[in-house]
Amino acid sequence: MSRAQLYPVPTVSEPFKKIAIDLIGELPKTKTGYKYVLTLIDYATRYPEAIPLKTTHSRVIAEALISVFSRVGLPNEIVSEQGSNLFGQLMRQLYELLGISHIKTSVYHPEAN
């Protein structure tokens, strides 16, 4: 049996050019009404960011991402699972408008990030 050829995995050296996003929750509601957390991890530096959310509607996620992008700049690529709130029509339009490539991973397989 022959083995498949191994290929090098491209590394990312420039901060915030490739990020992974995911949602955590539903968590116990805080006094201010937050029940979810949008997590963001930069591939180059492994810098994490956690943004509290009251809902996981695409509009709320898009607003949170735009807030992050206004501070750190636009990524070239975003890696996320295929959940409708991370991959729905609104999110696809946002990625297209901002020139961001969206890489989809398997649902319930965080190791792919």
Protein backbone atom coordinates (compact mmCIF):
# COMPACT_ATOMS: atom_id res chain seq x y z
CA MET A 1 0.00 0.00 0.00
CA SER A 2 1.41 3.38 -0.94
CA ARG A 3 1.17 6.36 1.34
CA ALA A 4 -0.37 9.65 0.40
CA GLN A 5 2.06 12.46 -0.13
CA LEU A 6 2.29 15.00 2.67
CA TYR A 7 2.02 18.67 1.85
CA PRO A 8 3.13 21.54 4.08
CA VAL A 9 0.37 23.45 5.79
CA PRO A 10 0.64 27.14 4.95
CA THR A 11 1.43 29.27 7.97
CA VAL A 12 -0.01 32.68 8.64
CA SER A 13 2.54 35.25 9.76
CA GLU A 14 0.59 38.51 9.56
CA PRO A 15 -1.72 39.15 12.53
CA PHE A 16 -5.48 39.14 11.89
CA LYS A 17 -5.24 38.00 8.28
CA LYS A 18 -6.83 34.64 9.13
CA ILE A 19 -9.16 34.22 12.08
CA ALA A 20 -11.43 31.51 13.46
CA ILE A 21 -14.82 32.37 14.92
CA ASP A 22 -17.27 30.27 16.91
CA LEU A 23 -20.20 30.64 19.28
CA ILE A 24 -20.45 29.45 22.86
CA GLY A 25 -23.81 29.10 24.57
CA GLU A 26 -26.54 29.18 25.58
CA LEU A 27 -25.03 30.09 28.95
CA PRO A 28 -26.80 31.28 32.11
CA LYS A 29 -28.12 34.78 31.45
CA THR A 30 -26.09 37.61 32.99
CA LYS A 31 -27.70 40.53 34.81
CA THR A 32 -27.31 42.54 31.61
CA GLY A 33 -28.94 39.88 29.43
CA TYR A 34 -25.97 38.21 27.76
CA LYS A 35 -26.32 34.46 27.09
CA TYR A 36 -23.78 33.74 24.34
CA VAL A 37 -20.13 34.43 23.54
CA LEU A 38 -18.66 34.99 20.10
CA THR A 39 -15.07 33.77 20.18
CA LEU A 40 -12.40 34.89 17.76
CA ILE A 41 -8.86 33.53 17.53
CA ASP A 42 -6.11 34.95 15.34
CA TYR A 43 -4.18 32.23 13.51
CA ALA A 44 -0.85 34.11 13.49
CA THR A 45 -0.62 35.17 17.13
CA ARG A 46 -3.27 32.91 18.76
CA TYR A 47 -4.71 36.12 20.26
CA PRO A 48 -8.20 35.32 21.59
CA GLU A 49 -11.14 37.64 21.84
CA ALA A 50 -14.54 36.95 23.44
CA ILE A 51 -17.53 39.15 22.71
CA PRO A 52 -20.68 38.74 24.83
CA LEU A 53 -23.93 38.52 22.86
CA LYS A 54 -27.57 38.60 23.89
CA THR A 55 -28.67 36.61 20.83
CA THR A 56 -27.00 34.67 18.04
CA HIS A 57 -28.87 36.36 15.21
CA SER A 58 -26.67 36.99 12.18
CA ARG A 59 -27.20 40.75 12.46
CA VAL A 60 -25.83 40.77 16.03
CA ILE A 61 -22.83 38.64 15.02
CA ALA A 62 -22.15 40.88 12.00
CA GLU A 63 -22.21 43.99 14.22
CA ALA A 64 -19.80 42.36 16.69
CA LEU A 65 -17.40 41.39 13.89
CA ILE A 66 -17.49 44.87 12.37
CA SER A 67 -16.64 46.28 15.81
CA VAL A 68 -13.60 43.98 16.03
CA PHE A 69 -12.55 44.72 12.43
CA SER A 70 -12.69 48.47 13.14
CA ARG A 71 -9.97 47.95 15.77
CA VAL A 72 -7.71 45.31 14.21
CA GLY A 73 -8.37 45.55 10.46
CA LEU A 74 -10.04 43.21 7.99
CA PRO A 75 -8.97 39.58 7.76
CA ASN A 76 -8.45 37.86 4.42
CA GLU A 77 -10.03 34.64 5.70
CA ILE A 78 -12.52 33.61 8.37
CA VAL A 79 -12.82 29.98 9.47
CA SER A 80 -16.09 28.88 11.08
CA GLU A 81 -18.55 26.03 11.23
CA GLN A 82 -21.50 25.97 8.86
CA GLY A 83 -24.16 27.14 11.31
CA SER A 84 -26.80 29.31 9.67
CA ASN A 85 -26.00 32.25 11.96
CA LEU A 86 -22.32 32.14 10.88
CA PHE A 87 -22.92 31.15 7.27
CA GLY A 88 -26.37 32.50 6.38
CA GLN A 89 -27.19 34.96 3.63
CA LEU A 90 -26.42 38.07 5.71
CA MET A 91 -23.01 36.75 6.73
CA ARG A 92 -22.17 35.70 3.15
CA GLN A 93 -23.09 39.21 1.98
CA LEU A 94 -20.92 40.77 4.69
CA TYR A 95 -17.93 38.59 3.76
CA GLU A 96 -18.41 39.38 0.06
CA LEU A 97 -18.77 43.12 0.69
CA LEU A 98 -15.59 43.18 2.80
CA GLY A 99 -13.63 40.85 0.48
CA ILE A 100 -13.26 38.11 3.10
CA SER A 101 -12.96 34.46 2.12
CA HIS A 102 -15.07 32.19 4.34
CA ILE A 103 -13.71 28.70 5.05
CA LYS A 104 -16.28 26.28 6.42
CA THR A 105 -15.46 23.46 8.84
CA SER A 106 -17.54 20.50 9.94
CA VAL A 107 -20.22 21.20 12.51
CA TYR A 108 -19.34 19.93 16.01
CA HIS A 109 -15.71 19.44 15.01
CA PRO A 110 -13.77 22.32 16.65
CA GLU A 111 -10.45 20.58 15.96
CA ALA A 112 -10.84 21.64 12.33
CA ASN A 113 -10.39 25.27 13.38
